[in-house]
Amino acid sequence: MASASLTIRRGTRRDVPTILALVRGLAEYERLLRECVATPGGIRRHGFGRRRYFETLISRRGGRPIGFALYFFTYSTFLARPTLYLEDLFVLPAERGRGAGLALLRALARLAVRRGCGRMEWTVLDWNRPAMRFYRALGARFRTEWVLTRLTGAPLTRLAGRATPRPARGRSPRSSRRRTPTRAGSPRPRRRRAPARATRSRAASRSPRRA
């Protein structure tokens, strides 16, 4: 996993500051720095804690970190084999074109084959034409028929916390409502029926599509 002065090795707990710096470098390159809220504690906990959610490879030239890959494993039910999912691949702009990106991808491919994966997957921003040309040259295909679907922030919290609708404010549950007392033998007042709606909600007539 070495080429001249270029080396690639697994990330360790001691590399947390380096990983965070490279994550922020990637966010800045992709014009998404305002969305990057990663912290050393989060990276340490999720990458090197009791339960690890990701792994890393770090590329160095002459002992200086110049790039990294952050990945984890998902599963393909159609292939019945694991998938290596590449979340981040980043090389410092001054080091591009000198083999670091290709070396990282080759190391990932070897890792995927060794662990019995059926494929490697990652995403690329549609304006990043140099990266797209680079990936095409490796034989990668772009699957434009799939749309990335994401829940984050408040929508994710709402879905997780409101599995059943909450009762409206000011109303008691139906089982505890009090009925107005009526005299024996006197007829109950008739309630007016709400007029039937002429239109149906469009959302109600749609069935969910498979993600």
N, C-alpha and C. Protein backbone atom coordinates (compact mmCIF):
# COMPACT_ATOMS: atom_id res chain seq x y z
N MET A 1 0.82 -1.20 0.00
CA MET A 1 0.00 0.00 0.00
C MET A 1 0.86 1.25 0.00
N ALA A 2 2.06 1.17 -0.58
CA ALA A 2 2.94 2.33 -0.64
C ALA A 2 3.44 2.53 -2.06
N SER A 3 3.66 3.78 -2.47
CA SER A 3 4.18 4.12 -3.77
C SER A 3 5.13 5.29 -3.58
N ALA A 4 6.48 5.06 -3.79
CA ALA A 4 7.50 6.07 -3.54
C ALA A 4 7.37 6.55 -2.10
N SER A 5 7.19 7.88 -1.93
CA SER A 5 7.07 8.41 -0.57
C SER A 5 5.61 8.45 -0.11
N LEU A 6 4.71 7.89 -0.93
CA LEU A 6 3.28 7.90 -0.59
C LEU A 6 2.95 6.64 0.19
N THR A 7 2.31 6.80 1.34
CA THR A 7 1.90 5.64 2.14
C THR A 7 0.43 5.76 2.50
N ILE A 8 -0.20 4.61 2.69
CA ILE A 8 -1.60 4.56 3.11
C ILE A 8 -1.70 3.57 4.25
N ARG A 9 -2.38 3.96 5.32
CA ARG A 9 -2.56 3.05 6.45
C ARG A 9 -3.92 3.31 7.09
N ARG A 10 -4.34 2.37 7.92
CA ARG A 10 -5.60 2.50 8.64
C ARG A 10 -5.52 3.66 9.63
N GLY A 11 -6.61 4.38 9.80
CA GLY A 11 -6.67 5.44 10.79
C GLY A 11 -6.80 4.86 12.19
N THR A 12 -6.23 5.55 13.17
CA THR A 12 -6.30 5.14 14.57
C THR A 12 -6.86 6.28 15.41
N ARG A 13 -7.06 6.02 16.68
CA ARG A 13 -7.59 7.03 17.58
C ARG A 13 -6.70 8.28 17.60
N ARG A 14 -5.40 8.09 17.45
CA ARG A 14 -4.49 9.24 17.46
C ARG A 14 -4.67 10.13 16.24
N ASP A 15 -5.34 9.61 15.19
CA ASP A 15 -5.52 10.37 13.96
C ASP A 15 -6.79 11.22 13.96
N VAL A 16 -7.51 11.28 15.07
CA VAL A 16 -8.77 12.03 15.10
C VAL A 16 -8.58 13.48 14.66
N PRO A 17 -7.59 14.23 15.17
CA PRO A 17 -7.43 15.62 14.69
C PRO A 17 -7.16 15.70 13.19
N THR A 18 -6.38 14.75 12.66
CA THR A 18 -6.11 14.72 11.22
C THR A 18 -7.38 14.44 10.43
N ILE A 19 -8.16 13.47 10.88
CA ILE A 19 -9.41 13.13 10.18
C ILE A 19 -10.35 14.33 10.17
N LEU A 20 -10.48 15.00 11.32
CA LEU A 20 -11.36 16.16 11.39
C LEU A 20 -10.89 17.27 10.45
N ALA A 21 -9.59 17.52 10.40
CA ALA A 21 -9.07 18.56 9.51
C ALA A 21 -9.36 18.23 8.05
N LEU A 22 -9.22 16.96 7.67
CA LEU A 22 -9.49 16.57 6.29
C LEU A 22 -10.99 16.60 5.98
N VAL A 23 -11.83 16.24 6.95
CA VAL A 23 -13.27 16.35 6.77
C VAL A 23 -13.66 17.80 6.50
N ARG A 24 -13.10 18.71 7.27
CA ARG A 24 -13.39 20.12 7.07
C ARG A 24 -12.83 20.62 5.75
N GLY A 25 -11.69 20.09 5.34
CA GLY A 25 -11.16 20.46 4.03
C GLY A 25 -12.07 20.01 2.90
N LEU A 26 -12.64 18.81 3.03
CA LEU A 26 -13.60 18.33 2.04
C LEU A 26 -14.85 19.19 2.02
N ALA A 27 -15.36 19.53 3.20
CA ALA A 27 -16.57 20.37 3.28
C ALA A 27 -16.33 21.73 2.63
N GLU A 28 -15.16 22.28 2.84
CA GLU A 28 -14.85 23.57 2.22
C GLU A 28 -14.77 23.45 0.71
N TYR A 29 -14.15 22.37 0.22
CA TYR A 29 -14.04 22.16 -1.23
C TYR A 29 -15.42 22.00 -1.87
N GLU A 30 -16.32 21.30 -1.17
CA GLU A 30 -17.66 21.07 -1.71
C GLU A 30 -18.63 22.21 -1.41
N ARG A 31 -18.11 23.31 -0.86
CA ARG A 31 -18.92 24.51 -0.56
C ARG A 31 -20.01 24.21 0.46
N LEU A 32 -19.71 23.31 1.38
CA LEU A 32 -20.69 22.90 2.39
C LEU A 32 -20.14 23.06 3.81
N LEU A 33 -19.18 23.97 3.97
CA LEU A 33 -18.55 24.12 5.28
C LEU A 33 -19.56 24.52 6.35
N ARG A 34 -20.58 25.27 5.97
CA ARG A 34 -21.60 25.70 6.95
C ARG A 34 -22.38 24.51 7.51
N GLU A 35 -22.40 23.38 6.78
CA GLU A 35 -23.11 22.20 7.24
C GLU A 35 -22.24 21.23 8.03
N CYS A 36 -20.95 21.50 8.09
CA CYS A 36 -20.04 20.60 8.77
C CYS A 36 -19.99 20.93 10.26
N VAL A 37 -20.56 20.08 11.07
CA VAL A 37 -20.60 20.30 12.52
C VAL A 37 -19.86 19.18 13.25
N ALA A 38 -18.99 18.47 12.55
CA ALA A 38 -18.23 17.36 13.15
C ALA A 38 -17.33 17.88 14.26
N THR A 39 -17.16 17.06 15.29
CA THR A 39 -16.30 17.40 16.42
C THR A 39 -15.33 16.27 16.68
N PRO A 40 -14.22 16.55 17.37
CA PRO A 40 -13.29 15.47 17.71
C PRO A 40 -13.97 14.38 18.54
N GLY A 41 -14.83 14.78 19.48
CA GLY A 41 -15.50 13.80 20.31
C GLY A 41 -16.40 12.87 19.51
N GLY A 42 -17.12 13.42 18.56
CA GLY A 42 -18.00 12.59 17.74
C GLY A 42 -17.22 11.62 16.88
N ILE A 43 -16.14 12.07 16.26
CA ILE A 43 -15.33 11.19 15.43
C ILE A 43 -14.68 10.10 16.28
N ARG A 44 -14.19 10.49 17.45
CA ARG A 44 -13.56 9.50 18.33
C ARG A 44 -14.57 8.45 18.79
N ARG A 45 -15.76 8.90 19.14
CA ARG A 45 -16.78 7.98 19.67
C ARG A 45 -17.29 7.04 18.59
N HIS A 46 -17.57 7.58 17.41
CA HIS A 46 -18.20 6.78 16.36
C HIS A 46 -17.21 5.99 15.51
N GLY A 47 -15.95 6.42 15.49
CA GLY A 47 -14.97 5.71 14.69
C GLY A 47 -14.04 4.81 15.47
N PHE A 48 -13.91 5.10 16.78
CA PHE A 48 -12.94 4.35 17.57
C PHE A 48 -13.47 3.98 18.95
N GLY A 49 -14.78 4.06 19.13
CA GLY A 49 -15.39 3.73 20.40
C GLY A 49 -15.78 2.27 20.49
N ARG A 50 -16.68 1.99 21.43
CA ARG A 50 -17.12 0.61 21.65
C ARG A 50 -17.86 0.07 20.43
N ARG A 51 -18.73 0.89 19.85
CA ARG A 51 -19.41 0.49 18.62
C ARG A 51 -18.96 1.42 17.50
N ARG A 52 -18.31 0.86 16.51
CA ARG A 52 -17.71 1.68 15.46
C ARG A 52 -18.61 1.72 14.23
N TYR A 53 -18.86 2.95 13.77
CA TYR A 53 -19.75 3.14 12.63
C TYR A 53 -19.00 3.36 11.33
N PHE A 54 -17.71 3.64 11.40
CA PHE A 54 -16.95 3.86 10.16
C PHE A 54 -15.50 3.47 10.39
N GLU A 55 -14.78 3.33 9.27
CA GLU A 55 -13.35 3.09 9.27
C GLU A 55 -12.69 4.10 8.35
N THR A 56 -11.38 4.26 8.47
CA THR A 56 -10.68 5.26 7.67
C THR A 56 -9.36 4.71 7.14
N LEU A 57 -8.95 5.27 6.02
CA LEU A 57 -7.60 5.11 5.48
C LEU A 57 -7.02 6.51 5.34
N ILE A 58 -5.77 6.68 5.73
CA ILE A 58 -5.12 7.98 5.65
C ILE A 58 -3.90 7.87 4.75
N SER A 59 -3.83 8.81 3.80
CA SER A 59 -2.70 8.86 2.87
C SER A 59 -1.71 9.92 3.35
N ARG A 60 -0.43 9.55 3.36
CA ARG A 60 0.63 10.47 3.77
C ARG A 60 1.74 10.48 2.72
N ARG A 61 2.33 11.65 2.57
CA ARG A 61 3.52 11.77 1.72
C ARG A 61 4.62 12.41 2.56
N GLY A 62 5.69 11.68 2.74
CA GLY A 62 6.76 12.18 3.57
C GLY A 62 6.33 12.39 5.01
N GLY A 63 5.37 11.58 5.48
CA GLY A 63 4.90 11.70 6.86
C GLY A 63 3.81 12.73 7.05
N ARG A 64 3.48 13.50 6.02
CA ARG A 64 2.46 14.55 6.12
C ARG A 64 1.15 14.03 5.57
N PRO A 65 0.03 14.15 6.32
CA PRO A 65 -1.27 13.68 5.80
C PRO A 65 -1.73 14.56 4.65
N ILE A 66 -2.09 13.90 3.54
CA ILE A 66 -2.52 14.65 2.35
C ILE A 66 -3.90 14.22 1.86
N GLY A 67 -4.49 13.16 2.42
CA GLY A 67 -5.80 12.71 1.98
C GLY A 67 -6.31 11.59 2.85
N PHE A 68 -7.58 11.28 2.66
CA PHE A 68 -8.17 10.20 3.45
C PHE A 68 -9.38 9.63 2.75
N ALA A 69 -9.79 8.46 3.20
CA ALA A 69 -11.04 7.84 2.77
C ALA A 69 -11.77 7.38 4.04
N LEU A 70 -13.04 7.68 4.12
CA LEU A 70 -13.87 7.25 5.24
C LEU A 70 -14.98 6.37 4.67
N TYR A 71 -15.13 5.17 5.20
CA TYR A 71 -16.05 4.19 4.61
C TYR A 71 -16.71 3.35 5.69
N PHE A 72 -17.76 2.64 5.30
CA PHE A 72 -18.42 1.68 6.17
C PHE A 72 -19.07 0.63 5.28
N PHE A 73 -19.72 -0.33 5.88
CA PHE A 73 -20.29 -1.44 5.11
C PHE A 73 -21.81 -1.47 5.23
N THR A 74 -22.46 -1.61 4.09
CA THR A 74 -23.90 -1.81 4.04
C THR A 74 -24.13 -3.22 3.48
N TYR A 75 -25.35 -3.49 3.03
CA TYR A 75 -25.64 -4.84 2.54
C TYR A 75 -26.57 -4.77 1.34
N SER A 76 -26.26 -5.56 0.32
CA SER A 76 -27.10 -5.67 -0.87
C SER A 76 -27.94 -6.94 -0.76
N THR A 77 -29.25 -6.76 -0.67
CA THR A 77 -30.13 -7.93 -0.60
C THR A 77 -30.19 -8.65 -1.94
N PHE A 78 -30.06 -7.92 -3.04
CA PHE A 78 -30.11 -8.55 -4.36
C PHE A 78 -28.88 -9.42 -4.60
N LEU A 79 -27.72 -8.94 -4.18
CA LEU A 79 -26.49 -9.71 -4.35
C LEU A 79 -26.27 -10.69 -3.20
N ALA A 80 -26.93 -10.44 -2.07
CA ALA A 80 -26.71 -11.21 -0.85
C ALA A 80 -25.24 -11.15 -0.43
N ARG A 81 -24.68 -9.96 -0.57
CA ARG A 81 -23.29 -9.73 -0.20
C ARG A 81 -23.15 -8.32 0.35
N PRO A 82 -22.13 -8.07 1.18
CA PRO A 82 -21.94 -6.71 1.71
C PRO A 82 -21.47 -5.75 0.63
N THR A 83 -21.66 -4.46 0.91
CA THR A 83 -21.23 -3.38 0.03
C THR A 83 -20.29 -2.47 0.81
N LEU A 84 -19.17 -2.11 0.22
CA LEU A 84 -18.31 -1.09 0.82
C LEU A 84 -18.81 0.26 0.33
N TYR A 85 -19.29 1.07 1.26
CA TYR A 85 -19.81 2.39 0.90
C TYR A 85 -18.77 3.43 1.30
N LEU A 86 -18.31 4.17 0.31
CA LEU A 86 -17.31 5.22 0.51
C LEU A 86 -18.04 6.53 0.78
N GLU A 87 -17.99 6.98 2.02
CA GLU A 87 -18.66 8.22 2.40
C GLU A 87 -17.86 9.44 1.97
N ASP A 88 -16.55 9.43 2.24
CA ASP A 88 -15.70 10.58 1.91
C ASP A 88 -14.40 10.10 1.28
N LEU A 89 -13.99 10.78 0.21
CA LEU A 89 -12.67 10.61 -0.37
C LEU A 89 -12.16 12.01 -0.67
N PHE A 90 -11.02 12.35 -0.08
CA PHE A 90 -10.52 13.72 -0.23
C PHE A 90 -9.00 13.71 -0.26
N VAL A 91 -8.45 14.47 -1.22
CA VAL A 91 -7.01 14.70 -1.33
C VAL A 91 -6.80 16.21 -1.38
N LEU A 92 -5.83 16.70 -0.66
CA LEU A 92 -5.56 18.14 -0.66
C LEU A 92 -5.34 18.62 -2.09
N PRO A 93 -5.90 19.79 -2.45
CA PRO A 93 -5.79 20.27 -3.85
C PRO A 93 -4.36 20.31 -4.37
N ALA A 94 -3.39 20.67 -3.54
CA ALA A 94 -2.01 20.76 -4.00
C ALA A 94 -1.42 19.40 -4.32
N GLU A 95 -2.06 18.32 -3.84
CA GLU A 95 -1.53 16.97 -4.03
C GLU A 95 -2.27 16.19 -5.12
N ARG A 96 -3.23 16.79 -5.76
CA ARG A 96 -4.01 16.06 -6.75
C ARG A 96 -3.21 15.84 -8.02
N GLY A 97 -3.47 14.72 -8.68
CA GLY A 97 -2.75 14.37 -9.89
C GLY A 97 -1.43 13.68 -9.63
N ARG A 98 -1.16 13.32 -8.39
CA ARG A 98 0.11 12.68 -8.05
C ARG A 98 -0.09 11.25 -7.52
N GLY A 99 -1.31 10.71 -7.69
CA GLY A 99 -1.53 9.31 -7.39
C GLY A 99 -2.16 8.98 -6.06
N ALA A 100 -2.40 9.99 -5.22
CA ALA A 100 -2.96 9.70 -3.89
C ALA A 100 -4.39 9.19 -3.99
N GLY A 101 -5.22 9.83 -4.80
CA GLY A 101 -6.61 9.40 -4.93
C GLY A 101 -6.72 8.00 -5.48
N LEU A 102 -5.95 7.70 -6.51
CA LEU A 102 -5.97 6.36 -7.11
C LEU A 102 -5.48 5.32 -6.10
N ALA A 103 -4.45 5.66 -5.34
CA ALA A 103 -3.93 4.72 -4.35
C ALA A 103 -4.96 4.43 -3.27
N LEU A 104 -5.71 5.44 -2.85
CA LEU A 104 -6.76 5.24 -1.85
C LEU A 104 -7.85 4.33 -2.40
N LEU A 105 -8.27 4.56 -3.64
CA LEU A 105 -9.32 3.74 -4.24
C LEU A 105 -8.86 2.30 -4.44
N ARG A 106 -7.60 2.11 -4.81
CA ARG A 106 -7.09 0.75 -4.97
C ARG A 106 -7.06 0.02 -3.62
N ALA A 107 -6.65 0.74 -2.57
CA ALA A 107 -6.64 0.13 -1.25
C ALA A 107 -8.05 -0.24 -0.81
N LEU A 108 -9.03 0.60 -1.12
CA LEU A 108 -10.43 0.30 -0.79
C LEU A 108 -10.93 -0.89 -1.59
N ALA A 109 -10.57 -0.96 -2.87
CA ALA A 109 -11.01 -2.08 -3.70
C ALA A 109 -10.44 -3.40 -3.18
N ARG A 110 -9.18 -3.40 -2.78
CA ARG A 110 -8.60 -4.61 -2.23
C ARG A 110 -9.30 -5.02 -0.93
N LEU A 111 -9.62 -4.02 -0.11
CA LEU A 111 -10.33 -4.28 1.13
C LEU A 111 -11.71 -4.86 0.87
N ALA A 112 -12.42 -4.29 -0.14
CA ALA A 112 -13.75 -4.78 -0.48
C ALA A 112 -13.70 -6.23 -0.96
N VAL A 113 -12.72 -6.56 -1.80
CA VAL A 113 -12.60 -7.93 -2.30
C VAL A 113 -12.25 -8.88 -1.15
N ARG A 114 -11.36 -8.45 -0.28
CA ARG A 114 -10.94 -9.30 0.83
C ARG A 114 -12.09 -9.60 1.78
N ARG A 115 -13.01 -8.67 1.93
CA ARG A 115 -14.14 -8.86 2.84
C ARG A 115 -15.38 -9.43 2.15
N GLY A 116 -15.24 -9.82 0.90
CA GLY A 116 -16.33 -10.50 0.21
C GLY A 116 -17.43 -9.57 -0.29
N CYS A 117 -17.11 -8.31 -0.50
CA CYS A 117 -18.14 -7.36 -0.97
C CYS A 117 -18.47 -7.61 -2.44
N GLY A 118 -19.72 -7.34 -2.78
CA GLY A 118 -20.14 -7.46 -4.17
C GLY A 118 -19.96 -6.18 -4.95
N ARG A 119 -19.73 -5.05 -4.25
CA ARG A 119 -19.58 -3.78 -4.95
C ARG A 119 -19.06 -2.71 -4.00
N MET A 120 -18.57 -1.63 -4.62
CA MET A 120 -18.22 -0.40 -3.92
C MET A 120 -19.15 0.69 -4.44
N GLU A 121 -19.60 1.55 -3.55
CA GLU A 121 -20.50 2.64 -3.97
C GLU A 121 -20.08 3.94 -3.30
N TRP A 122 -20.36 5.04 -3.99
CA TRP A 122 -20.15 6.37 -3.42
C TRP A 122 -20.94 7.36 -4.26
N THR A 123 -21.04 8.58 -3.79
CA THR A 123 -21.73 9.64 -4.53
C THR A 123 -20.72 10.70 -4.93
N VAL A 124 -21.08 11.48 -5.96
CA VAL A 124 -20.22 12.58 -6.42
C VAL A 124 -21.15 13.73 -6.80
N LEU A 125 -20.75 14.94 -6.44
CA LEU A 125 -21.54 16.12 -6.78
C LEU A 125 -21.56 16.30 -8.30
N ASP A 126 -22.73 16.69 -8.83
CA ASP A 126 -22.87 16.75 -10.28
C ASP A 126 -22.03 17.84 -10.94
N TRP A 127 -21.54 18.81 -10.17
CA TRP A 127 -20.69 19.84 -10.76
C TRP A 127 -19.20 19.47 -10.71
N ASN A 128 -18.87 18.38 -10.04
CA ASN A 128 -17.46 18.00 -9.89
C ASN A 128 -17.02 17.17 -11.10
N ARG A 129 -16.87 17.85 -12.24
CA ARG A 129 -16.54 17.17 -13.50
C ARG A 129 -15.19 16.46 -13.47
N PRO A 130 -14.14 17.05 -12.88
CA PRO A 130 -12.86 16.31 -12.83
C PRO A 130 -12.98 14.97 -12.12
N ALA A 131 -13.71 14.96 -10.99
CA ALA A 131 -13.89 13.70 -10.26
C ALA A 131 -14.70 12.70 -11.08
N MET A 132 -15.72 13.18 -11.78
CA MET A 132 -16.53 12.28 -12.59
C MET A 132 -15.72 11.66 -13.73
N ARG A 133 -14.85 12.44 -14.36
CA ARG A 133 -13.99 11.89 -15.42
C ARG A 133 -13.03 10.85 -14.84
N PHE A 134 -12.51 11.14 -13.66
CA PHE A 134 -11.58 10.22 -13.00
C PHE A 134 -12.27 8.90 -12.69
N TYR A 135 -13.48 8.95 -12.16
CA TYR A 135 -14.20 7.72 -11.80
C TYR A 135 -14.60 6.94 -13.05
N ARG A 136 -15.00 7.64 -14.11
CA ARG A 136 -15.36 6.95 -15.35
C ARG A 136 -14.16 6.18 -15.92
N ALA A 137 -12.99 6.81 -15.81
CA ALA A 137 -11.79 6.15 -16.34
C ALA A 137 -11.48 4.86 -15.60
N LEU A 138 -11.95 4.74 -14.36
CA LEU A 138 -11.75 3.53 -13.58
C LEU A 138 -12.80 2.46 -13.90
N GLY A 139 -13.81 2.83 -14.68
CA GLY A 139 -14.87 1.88 -15.01
C GLY A 139 -16.12 2.04 -14.17
N ALA A 140 -16.17 3.09 -13.33
CA ALA A 140 -17.36 3.31 -12.50
C ALA A 140 -18.52 3.78 -13.37
N ARG A 141 -19.73 3.39 -12.99
CA ARG A 141 -20.94 3.80 -13.69
C ARG A 141 -21.77 4.70 -12.79
N PHE A 142 -22.43 5.67 -13.39
CA PHE A 142 -23.28 6.58 -12.64
C PHE A 142 -24.74 6.12 -12.76
N ARG A 143 -25.37 5.87 -11.62
CA ARG A 143 -26.73 5.35 -11.60
C ARG A 143 -27.70 6.52 -11.42
N THR A 144 -28.08 7.14 -12.52
CA THR A 144 -28.93 8.33 -12.45
C THR A 144 -30.40 8.01 -12.20
N GLU A 145 -30.77 6.71 -12.31
CA GLU A 145 -32.19 6.39 -12.08
C GLU A 145 -32.55 6.33 -10.61
N TRP A 146 -31.54 6.36 -9.72
CA TRP A 146 -31.80 6.36 -8.29
C TRP A 146 -31.66 7.77 -7.75
N VAL A 147 -32.59 8.16 -6.90
CA VAL A 147 -32.57 9.49 -6.29
C VAL A 147 -32.19 9.35 -4.82
N LEU A 148 -31.14 10.03 -4.41
CA LEU A 148 -30.73 10.01 -3.01
C LEU A 148 -31.84 10.62 -2.16
N THR A 149 -32.27 9.89 -1.15
CA THR A 149 -33.36 10.32 -0.28
C THR A 149 -32.82 10.44 1.14
N ARG A 150 -33.12 11.58 1.79
CA ARG A 150 -32.48 11.84 3.09
C ARG A 150 -33.47 12.47 4.06
N LEU A 151 -33.43 11.99 5.30
CA LEU A 151 -34.14 12.61 6.41
C LEU A 151 -33.09 13.08 7.40
N THR A 152 -33.17 14.33 7.81
CA THR A 152 -32.23 14.86 8.79
C THR A 152 -32.89 15.97 9.58
N GLY A 153 -32.31 16.31 10.72
CA GLY A 153 -32.82 17.42 11.51
C GLY A 153 -34.22 17.19 12.04
N ALA A 154 -35.05 18.25 11.97
CA ALA A 154 -36.40 18.21 12.52
C ALA A 154 -37.28 17.13 11.89
N PRO A 155 -37.27 16.93 10.55
CA PRO A 155 -38.11 15.87 9.98
C PRO A 155 -37.77 14.49 10.52
N LEU A 156 -36.48 14.21 10.72
CA LEU A 156 -36.08 12.92 11.28
C LEU A 156 -36.57 12.78 12.71
N THR A 157 -36.45 13.85 13.49
CA THR A 157 -36.91 13.82 14.88
C THR A 157 -38.41 13.61 14.95
N ARG A 158 -39.15 14.29 14.08
CA ARG A 158 -40.61 14.12 14.08
C ARG A 158 -41.00 12.69 13.75
N LEU A 159 -40.35 12.12 12.74
CA LEU A 159 -40.70 10.75 12.35
C LEU A 159 -40.37 9.77 13.47
N ALA A 160 -39.27 9.98 14.16
CA ALA A 160 -38.88 9.07 15.23
C ALA A 160 -39.75 9.22 16.47
N GLY A 161 -40.22 10.44 16.74
CA GLY A 161 -40.93 10.68 18.00
C GLY A 161 -42.43 10.69 17.91
N ARG A 162 -43.00 10.68 16.73
CA ARG A 162 -44.45 10.77 16.59
C ARG A 162 -44.97 9.62 15.74
N ALA A 163 -44.73 8.43 16.23
CA ALA A 163 -45.21 7.24 15.49
C ALA A 163 -46.73 7.19 15.46
N THR A 164 -47.41 7.71 16.53
CA THR A 164 -48.87 7.77 16.58
C THR A 164 -49.28 9.21 16.79
N PRO A 165 -50.37 9.65 16.19
CA PRO A 165 -50.80 11.05 16.33
C PRO A 165 -51.17 11.38 17.77
N ARG A 166 -50.81 12.59 18.17
CA ARG A 166 -51.15 13.04 19.51
C ARG A 166 -52.57 13.61 19.52
N PRO A 167 -53.30 13.46 20.65
CA PRO A 167 -54.63 14.05 20.71
C PRO A 167 -54.55 15.56 20.70
N ALA A 168 -55.57 16.18 20.13
CA ALA A 168 -55.59 17.64 20.05
C ALA A 168 -55.68 18.24 21.45
N ARG A 169 -55.13 19.45 21.60
CA ARG A 169 -55.14 20.11 22.89
C ARG A 169 -56.56 20.45 23.33
N GLY A 170 -56.80 20.33 24.63
CA GLY A 170 -58.11 20.72 25.17
C GLY A 170 -59.14 19.64 25.10
N ARG A 171 -58.82 18.51 24.44
CA ARG A 171 -59.78 17.42 24.32
C ARG A 171 -59.32 16.24 25.14
N SER A 172 -60.24 15.61 25.77
CA SER A 172 -59.94 14.41 26.54
C SER A 172 -60.08 13.19 25.64
N PRO A 173 -59.46 12.09 26.02
CA PRO A 173 -59.68 10.86 25.23
C PRO A 173 -61.16 10.51 25.18
N ARG A 174 -61.55 9.87 24.09
CA ARG A 174 -62.97 9.59 23.87
C ARG A 174 -63.58 8.80 25.02
N SER A 175 -62.81 7.90 25.61
CA SER A 175 -63.37 7.05 26.66
C SER A 175 -63.71 7.83 27.92
N SER A 176 -63.12 9.03 28.09
CA SER A 176 -63.38 9.79 29.31
C SER A 176 -64.26 11.01 29.08
N ARG A 177 -64.83 11.16 27.86
CA ARG A 177 -65.72 12.29 27.63
C ARG A 177 -67.00 12.15 28.44
N ARG A 178 -67.51 13.28 28.93
CA ARG A 178 -68.78 13.27 29.65
C ARG A 178 -69.92 13.57 28.68
N ARG A 179 -70.98 12.82 28.84
CA ARG A 179 -72.15 13.07 28.01
C ARG A 179 -73.11 13.99 28.74
N THR A 180 -73.78 14.83 27.99
CA THR A 180 -74.76 15.74 28.60
C THR A 180 -75.96 14.94 29.08
N PRO A 181 -76.33 15.07 30.37
CA PRO A 181 -77.47 14.27 30.87
C PRO A 181 -78.76 14.71 30.22
N THR A 182 -79.65 13.76 29.95
CA THR A 182 -80.97 14.06 29.38
C THR A 182 -82.03 13.47 30.28
N ARG A 183 -83.19 14.06 30.21
CA ARG A 183 -84.31 13.56 31.00
C ARG A 183 -84.79 12.22 30.47
N ALA A 184 -85.29 11.40 31.41
CA ALA A 184 -85.81 10.10 31.01
C ALA A 184 -86.94 10.27 30.04
N GLY A 185 -86.87 9.55 28.93
CA GLY A 185 -87.95 9.58 27.96
C GLY A 185 -87.83 10.70 26.95
N SER A 186 -86.96 11.67 27.17
CA SER A 186 -86.86 12.76 26.20
C SER A 186 -85.89 12.39 25.10
N PRO A 187 -86.22 12.70 23.89
CA PRO A 187 -85.34 12.32 22.78
C PRO A 187 -84.04 13.12 22.82
N ARG A 188 -82.97 12.47 22.36
CA ARG A 188 -81.69 13.17 22.29
C ARG A 188 -81.71 14.10 21.08
N PRO A 189 -81.05 15.24 21.19
CA PRO A 189 -81.01 16.14 20.03
C PRO A 189 -80.21 15.51 18.90
N ARG A 190 -80.69 15.73 17.69
CA ARG A 190 -80.01 15.19 16.52
C ARG A 190 -78.81 16.08 16.16
N ARG A 191 -77.75 15.40 15.78
CA ARG A 191 -76.58 16.14 15.34
C ARG A 191 -76.61 16.30 13.82
N ARG A 192 -76.17 17.46 13.41
CA ARG A 192 -76.13 17.68 11.97
C ARG A 192 -74.92 16.96 11.38
N ARG A 193 -75.16 16.33 10.27
CA ARG A 193 -74.08 15.64 9.58
C ARG A 193 -73.27 16.63 8.75
N ALA A 194 -71.95 16.47 8.80
CA ALA A 194 -71.09 17.33 7.99
C ALA A 194 -71.25 16.96 6.53
N PRO A 195 -71.31 17.96 5.67
CA PRO A 195 -71.47 17.65 4.24
C PRO A 195 -70.28 16.85 3.73
N ALA A 196 -70.55 15.89 2.85
CA ALA A 196 -69.50 15.04 2.29
C ALA A 196 -68.58 15.87 1.41
N ARG A 197 -67.30 15.59 1.50
CA ARG A 197 -66.36 16.33 0.68
C ARG A 197 -66.37 15.79 -0.74
N ALA A 198 -66.24 16.69 -1.66
CA ALA A 198 -66.32 16.29 -3.07
C ALA A 198 -64.99 15.83 -3.61
N THR A 199 -63.89 16.25 -2.95
CA THR A 199 -62.56 15.90 -3.46
C THR A 199 -61.81 15.11 -2.42
N ARG A 200 -60.90 14.30 -2.89
CA ARG A 200 -60.04 13.52 -2.02
C ARG A 200 -58.64 14.10 -2.05
N SER A 201 -57.91 13.89 -0.97
CA SER A 201 -56.53 14.35 -0.90
C SER A 201 -55.70 13.57 -1.91
N ARG A 202 -54.88 14.28 -2.65
CA ARG A 202 -54.02 13.60 -3.61
C ARG A 202 -53.08 12.64 -2.92
N ALA A 203 -52.56 13.07 -1.76
CA ALA A 203 -51.60 12.21 -1.06
C ALA A 203 -52.21 10.89 -0.64
N ALA A 204 -53.52 10.90 -0.33
CA ALA A 204 -54.18 9.67 0.15
C ALA A 204 -54.29 8.65 -0.95
N SER A 205 -54.29 9.11 -2.22
CA SER A 205 -54.48 8.16 -3.32
C SER A 205 -53.17 7.61 -3.86
N ARG A 206 -52.07 8.12 -3.32
CA ARG A 206 -50.78 7.65 -3.80
C ARG A 206 -50.23 6.56 -2.92
N SER A 207 -49.65 5.56 -3.51
CA SER A 207 -49.00 4.50 -2.73
C SER A 207 -47.52 4.77 -2.69
N PRO A 208 -46.84 4.46 -1.58
CA PRO A 208 -45.41 4.74 -1.48
C PRO A 208 -44.60 3.93 -2.47
N ARG A 209 -43.55 4.58 -3.00
CA ARG A 209 -42.65 3.88 -3.92
C ARG A 209 -41.48 3.34 -3.15
N ARG A 210 -40.92 2.30 -3.64
CA ARG A 210 -39.77 1.68 -2.97
C ARG A 210 -38.56 2.58 -3.10
N ALA A 211 -37.88 2.80 -1.94
CA ALA A 211 -36.68 3.62 -1.97
C ALA A 211 -35.50 2.79 -2.44
